[in-house]
Protein backbone atom coordinates (compact mmCIF):
# COMPACT_ATOMS: atom_id res chain seq x y z
CA MET A 1 -27.66 86.82 -66.96
CA VAL A 2 -24.19 85.84 -68.19
CA PHE A 3 -22.78 88.87 -66.40
CA LEU A 4 -24.53 87.87 -63.16
CA ASN A 5 -23.24 84.30 -63.43
CA ARG A 6 -19.68 85.63 -63.85
CA ILE A 7 -20.10 87.83 -60.79
CA LYS A 8 -21.41 84.84 -58.83
CA GLY A 9 -18.43 82.79 -59.96
CA LEU A 10 -16.07 85.48 -58.66
CA MET A 11 -17.94 85.77 -55.37
CA LEU A 12 -17.92 82.07 -54.43
CA PRO A 13 -14.17 81.86 -53.65
CA ALA A 14 -14.40 85.12 -51.73
CA VAL A 15 -17.31 83.87 -49.65
CA ALA A 16 -15.45 80.63 -48.94
CA LEU A 17 -12.40 82.60 -47.79
CA LEU A 18 -14.45 84.87 -45.53
CA THR A 19 -16.27 81.88 -44.06
CA ALA A 20 -12.96 80.21 -43.25
CA ILE A 21 -11.71 83.40 -41.57
CA PHE A 22 -14.80 84.46 -39.65
CA GLY A 23 -16.42 81.11 -38.93
CA ALA A 24 -18.95 78.81 -40.57
CA VAL A 25 -21.89 81.21 -40.70
CA ALA A 26 -23.19 80.02 -44.07
CA ALA A 27 -23.15 76.82 -46.06
CA TYR A 28 -23.54 75.75 -49.67
CA ALA A 29 -25.11 72.48 -50.64
CA GLU A 30 -24.48 71.97 -54.34
CA GLY A 31 -25.09 75.66 -54.84
CA GLU A 32 -28.20 75.83 -56.99
CA ALA A 33 -30.42 77.08 -54.15
CA GLY A 34 -27.95 79.73 -53.02
CA ILE A 35 -26.52 80.47 -49.61
CA ILE A 36 -28.13 78.73 -46.64
CA SER A 37 -27.64 80.39 -43.26
CA LEU A 38 -29.21 78.89 -40.17
CA ARG A 39 -30.01 80.06 -36.67
CA GLY A 40 -30.83 76.54 -35.51
CA GLN A 41 -31.40 72.94 -36.52
CA GLY A 42 -32.24 69.64 -34.89
CA HIS A 43 -34.81 66.91 -34.59
CA PHE A 44 -37.34 65.48 -32.16
CA TYR A 45 -40.22 63.00 -32.05
CA VAL A 46 -43.91 63.63 -31.56
CA GLY A 47 -46.62 61.20 -30.55
CA GLY A 48 -45.89 57.62 -29.68
CA GLU A 49 -47.13 55.33 -26.99
CA THR A 50 -45.33 52.73 -24.90
CA TYR A 51 -46.40 49.18 -24.18
CA GLU A 52 -44.85 46.29 -22.30
CA VAL A 53 -42.90 43.60 -24.14
CA ALA A 54 -41.62 40.30 -22.87
CA GLY A 55 -38.24 40.77 -24.47
CA ASN A 56 -36.53 39.39 -27.53
CA PRO A 57 -35.24 35.84 -27.01
CA ASN A 58 -33.07 36.16 -30.11
CA ALA A 59 -31.07 38.98 -28.50
CA GLY A 60 -29.72 36.90 -25.60
CA PRO A 61 -29.06 38.85 -22.39
CA PHE A 62 -29.75 42.10 -24.24
CA GLY A 63 -33.32 41.12 -25.04
CA ALA A 64 -34.63 41.99 -21.60
CA PRO A 65 -38.32 42.74 -21.07
CA GLY A 66 -39.42 46.34 -20.76
CA LEU A 67 -41.23 48.99 -22.73
CA ALA A 68 -41.44 49.33 -26.51
CA MET A 69 -42.84 52.25 -28.50
CA LYS A 70 -45.06 52.64 -31.53
CA ASN A 71 -46.84 55.43 -33.42
CA GLN A 72 -44.04 57.96 -32.89
CA MET A 73 -43.11 60.34 -35.72
CA TYR A 74 -39.71 61.82 -36.49
CA VAL A 75 -39.46 65.57 -37.10
CA GLY A 76 -36.37 67.30 -38.44
CA TYR A 77 -36.01 71.04 -38.76
CA GLN A 78 -33.76 73.86 -39.90
CA LEU A 79 -34.45 77.50 -39.06
CA ALA A 80 -33.39 80.26 -41.43
CA ALA A 81 -30.93 82.76 -39.93
CA ASP A 82 -32.75 85.65 -41.59
CA ARG A 83 -36.35 84.54 -41.37
CA GLN A 84 -38.42 86.23 -44.06
CA HIS A 85 -41.81 84.56 -43.62
CA PRO A 86 -44.23 84.32 -40.69
CA TYR A 87 -45.23 80.69 -41.20
CA PRO A 88 -42.88 77.69 -41.22
CA LEU A 89 -43.27 75.05 -43.89
CA ILE A 90 -43.97 71.42 -42.97
CA LEU A 91 -42.93 68.95 -45.68
CA VAL A 92 -44.96 65.71 -45.86
CA HIS A 93 -43.51 63.03 -48.13
CA GLY A 94 -45.42 60.56 -50.26
CA GLY A 95 -46.04 56.84 -50.03
CA GLY A 96 -43.07 54.52 -49.90
CA GLY A 97 -40.73 57.48 -49.48
CA GLN A 98 -39.38 59.54 -46.62
CA ALA A 99 -38.30 63.07 -45.80
CA ALA A 100 -35.10 62.54 -47.80
CA ASP A 101 -37.25 63.08 -50.92
CA TRP A 102 -37.03 66.81 -50.16
CA PHE A 103 -33.29 66.96 -49.40
CA SER A 104 -31.71 66.53 -52.82
CA THR A 105 -32.48 65.25 -56.29
CA PRO A 106 -31.45 61.71 -57.32
CA ASP A 107 -28.72 63.18 -59.52
CA GLY A 108 -27.24 65.24 -56.68
CA ARG A 109 -28.69 68.74 -57.10
CA ASP A 110 -30.17 70.81 -54.30
CA GLY A 111 -33.54 69.63 -53.07
CA TRP A 112 -36.55 71.81 -52.35
CA ARG A 113 -35.71 72.03 -48.65
CA ASP A 114 -32.59 74.04 -49.52
CA TYR A 115 -34.55 76.42 -51.75
CA PHE A 116 -37.09 77.03 -48.99
CA LEU A 117 -34.33 77.77 -46.49
CA ALA A 118 -32.49 80.05 -48.92
CA ALA A 119 -35.78 81.94 -49.40
CA GLY A 120 -35.97 82.59 -45.65
CA PHE A 121 -38.50 79.97 -44.54
CA ASP A 122 -38.20 77.92 -41.38
CA VAL A 123 -38.60 74.33 -42.54
CA TYR A 124 -39.80 71.20 -40.73
CA TRP A 125 -39.99 67.77 -42.32
CA ILE A 126 -41.48 64.52 -41.13
CA ASP A 127 -41.09 60.81 -41.69
CA ARG A 128 -44.60 59.41 -41.49
CA PRO A 129 -44.80 56.57 -38.91
CA GLY A 130 -43.40 53.42 -40.47
CA TYR A 131 -41.09 55.22 -42.91
CA GLY A 132 -37.58 56.64 -42.68
CA ARG A 133 -36.53 57.55 -39.14
CA SER A 134 -39.97 56.71 -37.75
CA PRO A 135 -39.51 52.99 -37.14
CA THR A 136 -42.12 50.57 -38.34
CA SER A 137 -43.84 48.22 -35.92
CA ALA A 138 -45.28 44.73 -36.12
CA ASP A 139 -48.48 46.33 -34.85
CA TYR A 140 -48.81 48.13 -38.19
CA GLY A 141 -49.02 44.86 -40.11
CA GLU A 142 -46.70 42.41 -41.81
CA LEU A 143 -43.48 43.51 -43.47
CA GLY A 144 -44.30 44.16 -47.11
CA PRO A 145 -42.20 43.44 -50.18
CA ASN A 146 -39.51 45.95 -51.02
CA THR A 147 -40.43 48.70 -53.45
CA SER A 148 -39.31 47.80 -56.97
CA SER A 149 -37.54 49.88 -59.56
CA GLY A 150 -40.55 49.21 -61.80
CA LEU A 151 -42.82 51.22 -59.50
CA ILE A 152 -40.29 54.04 -59.24
CA LYS A 153 -39.95 54.14 -63.03
CA PHE A 154 -43.73 54.18 -63.48
CA LEU A 155 -44.14 57.13 -61.11
CA ALA A 156 -41.01 58.85 -62.45
CA THR A 157 -42.24 58.81 -66.04
CA ALA A 158 -41.57 62.29 -67.38
CA ASP A 159 -39.55 63.98 -70.07
CA ASN A 160 -37.66 65.80 -67.33
CA TRP A 161 -36.52 62.81 -65.30
CA PRO A 162 -32.76 63.21 -64.67
CA GLY A 163 -31.78 59.88 -66.15
CA ASP A 164 -32.67 57.21 -68.67
CA LEU A 165 -35.88 55.42 -67.69
CA SER A 166 -35.29 52.80 -70.39
CA ASP A 167 -32.17 51.68 -68.53
CA GLU A 168 -32.94 49.06 -65.88
CA ASN A 169 -29.91 50.27 -63.93
CA ASP A 170 -30.57 53.99 -64.26
CA GLN A 171 -28.64 55.51 -61.37
CA SER A 172 -31.24 58.18 -60.64
CA VAL A 173 -33.95 55.52 -60.30
CA LEU A 174 -31.72 53.45 -58.02
CA ASN A 175 -30.89 56.49 -55.89
CA TRP A 176 -34.62 57.22 -55.45
CA LEU A 177 -35.27 53.52 -54.78
CA ALA A 178 -32.60 53.41 -52.06
CA SER A 179 -34.72 55.56 -49.72
CA SER A 180 -37.96 53.62 -50.31
CA PRO A 181 -38.78 51.47 -47.24
CA PRO A 182 -41.20 48.55 -47.51
CA GLY A 183 -43.35 49.56 -44.54
CA PRO A 184 -45.79 48.68 -43.05
CA TYR A 185 -47.14 52.17 -42.50
CA ALA A 186 -48.98 53.11 -39.30
CA GLY A 187 -51.85 54.63 -41.28
CA ASN A 188 -53.18 58.07 -42.11
CA ASP A 189 -55.06 58.54 -38.84
CA ILE A 190 -51.96 58.05 -36.70
CA ALA A 191 -49.79 60.16 -39.01
CA ALA A 192 -52.37 62.96 -38.88
CA GLU A 193 -52.58 62.80 -35.09
CA ASP A 194 -48.79 63.14 -34.91
CA LEU A 195 -48.78 66.01 -37.40
CA SER A 196 -51.43 67.76 -35.30
CA LEU A 197 -49.15 67.44 -32.27
CA LEU A 198 -46.35 69.03 -34.28
CA LEU A 199 -48.67 71.90 -35.19
CA ASP A 200 -49.48 72.38 -31.52
CA ARG A 201 -45.77 72.59 -30.80
CA ILE A 202 -44.68 75.03 -33.53
CA GLY A 203 -47.89 76.97 -34.19
CA PRO A 204 -49.54 78.08 -37.45
CA SER A 205 -47.77 76.58 -40.45
CA ILE A 206 -48.14 75.91 -44.16
CA ILE A 207 -48.31 72.20 -44.92
CA ILE A 208 -46.82 70.95 -48.20
CA THR A 209 -47.94 67.43 -49.06
CA HIS A 210 -47.00 65.10 -51.88
CA SER A 211 -48.73 62.02 -53.26
CA ALA A 212 -49.88 59.55 -50.57
CA GLY A 213 -48.91 62.08 -47.91
CA GLY A 214 -52.03 64.04 -48.87
CA PRO A 215 -54.45 62.50 -46.34
CA THR A 216 -51.99 63.17 -43.51
CA GLY A 217 -52.22 66.89 -44.26
CA TRP A 218 -55.96 67.00 -44.85
CA LEU A 219 -56.83 65.08 -41.68
CA ALA A 220 -54.42 67.10 -39.54
CA ALA A 221 -55.93 70.33 -40.88
CA ASP A 222 -59.41 69.06 -40.05
CA ASP A 223 -58.29 68.23 -36.51
CA ASN A 224 -56.23 71.37 -35.90
CA PRO A 225 -57.47 74.15 -38.19
CA ASP A 226 -56.25 77.02 -36.01
CA ASN A 227 -52.65 75.99 -36.64
CA VAL A 228 -52.92 75.50 -40.41
CA ALA A 229 -52.26 78.68 -42.39
CA GLY A 230 -52.57 76.94 -45.75
CA ILE A 231 -51.97 73.73 -47.68
CA ILE A 232 -50.02 73.15 -50.88
CA ALA A 233 -51.05 69.74 -52.21
CA ILE A 234 -48.70 68.40 -54.90
CA GLU A 235 -50.56 65.68 -56.79
CA ALA A 236 -51.82 64.67 -53.36
CA ALA A 237 -54.00 61.66 -52.70
CA GLY A 238 -57.15 62.18 -50.68
CA SER A 239 -57.85 65.51 -52.33
CA ASN A 240 -61.36 64.54 -53.44
CA MET A 241 -63.33 65.34 -50.30
CA LEU A 242 -66.45 63.62 -51.63
CA ALA A 243 -64.75 60.25 -52.09
CA ASP A 244 -65.99 57.72 -49.54
CA ASP A 245 -62.83 57.59 -47.41
CA MET A 246 -62.39 61.36 -47.13
CA ARG A 247 -66.09 62.24 -46.85
CA SER A 248 -66.37 60.09 -43.72
CA SER A 249 -63.19 61.55 -42.21
CA MET A 250 -63.58 65.29 -42.82
CA THR A 251 -65.93 67.64 -40.96
CA PHE A 252 -68.81 68.93 -43.10
CA SER A 253 -71.39 71.42 -41.85
CA PRO A 254 -74.16 70.44 -42.06
CA GLU A 255 -73.07 66.82 -41.92
CA LEU A 256 -73.48 64.98 -45.19
CA PRO A 257 -76.10 62.23 -45.02
CA ALA A 258 -75.03 58.60 -44.97
CA ASN A 259 -76.76 58.05 -48.33
CA PHE A 260 -75.07 61.09 -49.93
CA LEU A 261 -74.87 60.98 -53.72
CA ALA A 262 -72.81 63.41 -55.77
CA VAL A 263 -74.21 64.83 -59.00
CA GLU A 264 -72.31 65.34 -62.25
CA THR A 265 -71.78 68.94 -63.32
CA ALA A 266 -71.39 70.30 -66.83
CA ASP A 267 -67.60 70.04 -66.60
CA GLY A 268 -67.80 66.36 -65.67
CA CYS A 269 -67.05 66.74 -61.94
CA MET A 270 -69.04 64.83 -59.31
CA MET A 271 -70.04 67.48 -56.78
CA GLN A 272 -72.67 68.40 -54.23
CA ALA A 273 -76.06 69.38 -55.60
CA GLN A 274 -76.60 73.13 -55.77
CA GLY A 275 -78.93 74.42 -53.10
CA SER A 276 -77.86 71.89 -50.48
CA VAL A 277 -74.12 72.48 -50.18
CA SER A 278 -72.30 71.57 -46.97
CA GLN A 279 -69.14 73.42 -46.01
CA LEU A 280 -65.82 71.92 -45.00
CA SER A 281 -65.96 73.80 -41.73
CA SER A 282 -62.31 73.25 -40.69
CA LEU A 283 -60.95 74.32 -44.07
CA ALA A 284 -63.45 77.07 -44.84
CA GLY A 285 -61.70 80.18 -46.12
CA LYS A 286 -58.25 78.65 -45.89
CA PRO A 287 -55.91 79.00 -48.88
CA VAL A 288 -55.22 75.71 -50.63
CA ALA A 289 -53.18 75.27 -53.81
CA MET A 290 -53.53 72.05 -55.79
CA VAL A 291 -50.44 71.56 -57.95
CA GLY A 292 -50.52 69.32 -61.02
CA SER A 293 -48.06 68.28 -63.71
CA GLN A 294 -48.36 67.36 -67.37
CA GLN A 295 -47.21 63.73 -67.17
CA GLY A 296 -47.84 62.83 -63.54
CA LEU A 297 -50.98 61.71 -61.70
CA THR A 298 -52.96 64.92 -62.04
CA GLN A 299 -55.62 63.37 -64.24
CA ALA A 300 -55.73 60.06 -62.36
CA LEU A 301 -56.25 61.90 -59.07
CA GLY A 302 -58.82 64.27 -60.56
CA MET A 303 -56.99 67.28 -59.19
CA GLU A 304 -59.00 69.88 -61.10
CA CYS A 305 -62.35 68.45 -60.01
CA ALA A 306 -61.03 68.07 -56.47
CA THR A 307 -60.24 71.79 -56.52
CA ASN A 308 -63.80 72.57 -57.64
CA ILE A 309 -65.18 70.40 -54.82
CA LEU A 310 -63.08 72.27 -52.27
CA THR A 311 -64.17 75.64 -53.64
CA GLN A 312 -67.83 74.65 -53.55
CA ALA A 313 -67.37 73.63 -49.89
CA GLY A 314 -66.05 77.07 -48.93
CA VAL A 315 -62.29 76.54 -49.27
CA ASP A 316 -60.13 79.21 -50.95
CA ALA A 317 -58.77 76.63 -53.39
CA SER A 318 -56.90 77.10 -56.65
CA PHE A 319 -55.63 74.64 -59.26
CA VAL A 320 -52.07 75.33 -60.37
CA TYR A 321 -51.29 73.39 -63.54
CA LEU A 322 -47.58 73.63 -64.33
CA PRO A 323 -47.96 73.68 -68.15
CA ASP A 324 -50.06 76.84 -67.78
CA LEU A 325 -46.90 78.40 -66.34
CA GLY A 326 -44.70 77.11 -69.18
CA LEU A 327 -43.38 74.17 -67.13
CA VAL A 328 -43.92 71.16 -69.37
CA GLY A 329 -42.67 67.59 -69.38
CA ASN A 330 -42.95 67.05 -65.63
CA GLY A 331 -44.20 64.00 -63.79
CA HIS A 332 -45.19 62.90 -60.31
CA PHE A 333 -41.71 63.31 -58.82
CA MET A 334 -41.40 66.93 -59.90
CA MET A 335 -39.12 67.75 -56.95
CA ALA A 336 -36.57 65.35 -58.46
CA GLU A 337 -36.65 66.47 -62.07
CA THR A 338 -34.28 68.56 -64.14
CA ASN A 339 -36.34 71.75 -63.78
CA SER A 340 -37.11 71.22 -60.09
CA GLY A 341 -35.44 74.56 -59.31
CA GLU A 342 -37.95 76.37 -61.49
CA ILE A 343 -40.92 74.51 -60.03
CA VAL A 344 -39.90 75.21 -56.44
CA GLU A 345 -40.02 78.92 -57.20
CA VAL A 346 -43.71 78.43 -58.01
CA ILE A 347 -44.17 76.67 -54.67
CA ILE A 348 -42.35 79.49 -52.86
CA ASP A 349 -44.64 82.05 -54.53
CA LEU A 350 -47.72 80.05 -53.49
CA ALA A 351 -46.54 79.83 -49.90
CA THR A 352 -45.75 83.55 -49.83
CA GLU A 353 -49.24 84.36 -51.09
CA MET A 354 -50.68 82.44 -48.10
CA GLU A 355 -49.06 84.79 -45.57
């Protein structure tokens, strides 16, 4: 390994020189992910609807009446020059965040997007409507209070956080906080409709969801199963398909009765009664990986039981617990932590297995 690192150190100046001579055909971020070469990049919006507005009296002559827009969703993308995988990845951020969560870590290292690109995946990322580059709207509700550092610190709790969580002014916390908009959010139904439109546009894809972005992925897959090659749910909300909100939103065959009651199994999971099991018809047979960490929200979200519920309903689901792979000390923001480069290799392997 030392020998390889020395070779890499000798190669970097040479690559930089060749790039300067022959043109910018490759780029380094901070370098941890490796060389990133692209055949294309850009952005566009999906969804959205226009409606008439009377104008903004506070804007003077520039506040003329006309059309406004809501429910639109921003999509950014980068396409690997040497594509190695048949399905693109779609990155769905969590609550109170935005696509920037995938771009780099709060202490400046390469983010997971760069690792995916370096591994030869085409990558798309979204800002769910109301977050990031998908503007919020008064129609979504009242402007909420700004996200606090206290919430970030609570969710960031992990041995591997790249900073000092006991420090109120921890720079890594503040960097993560800086990209946390207050909302309001358009809601999971609208976000899922927009994601389904993206799937129609780019074709079969693997969806990677995190935290509160979970329902966006699940609902889009239920609406557009032909274009979902698999789902990797990273401590994703909405993963318990028998919870009231998801049970009423997902397609079961036969349909679950209105008075449905789950029964407790020997391992403590609340599941369908044996002998009368309904299938999740849109997800049946699809590969799904539920990823959990040691110090995050895996237990609070019931990720292992949620995996069992999916399996019982005909989904090809697996529970991937990072400590079982020797990755300990991680929390909910595992893409931001000091061993994020090791964890993303697990995610890359999972995505590759779904091909």
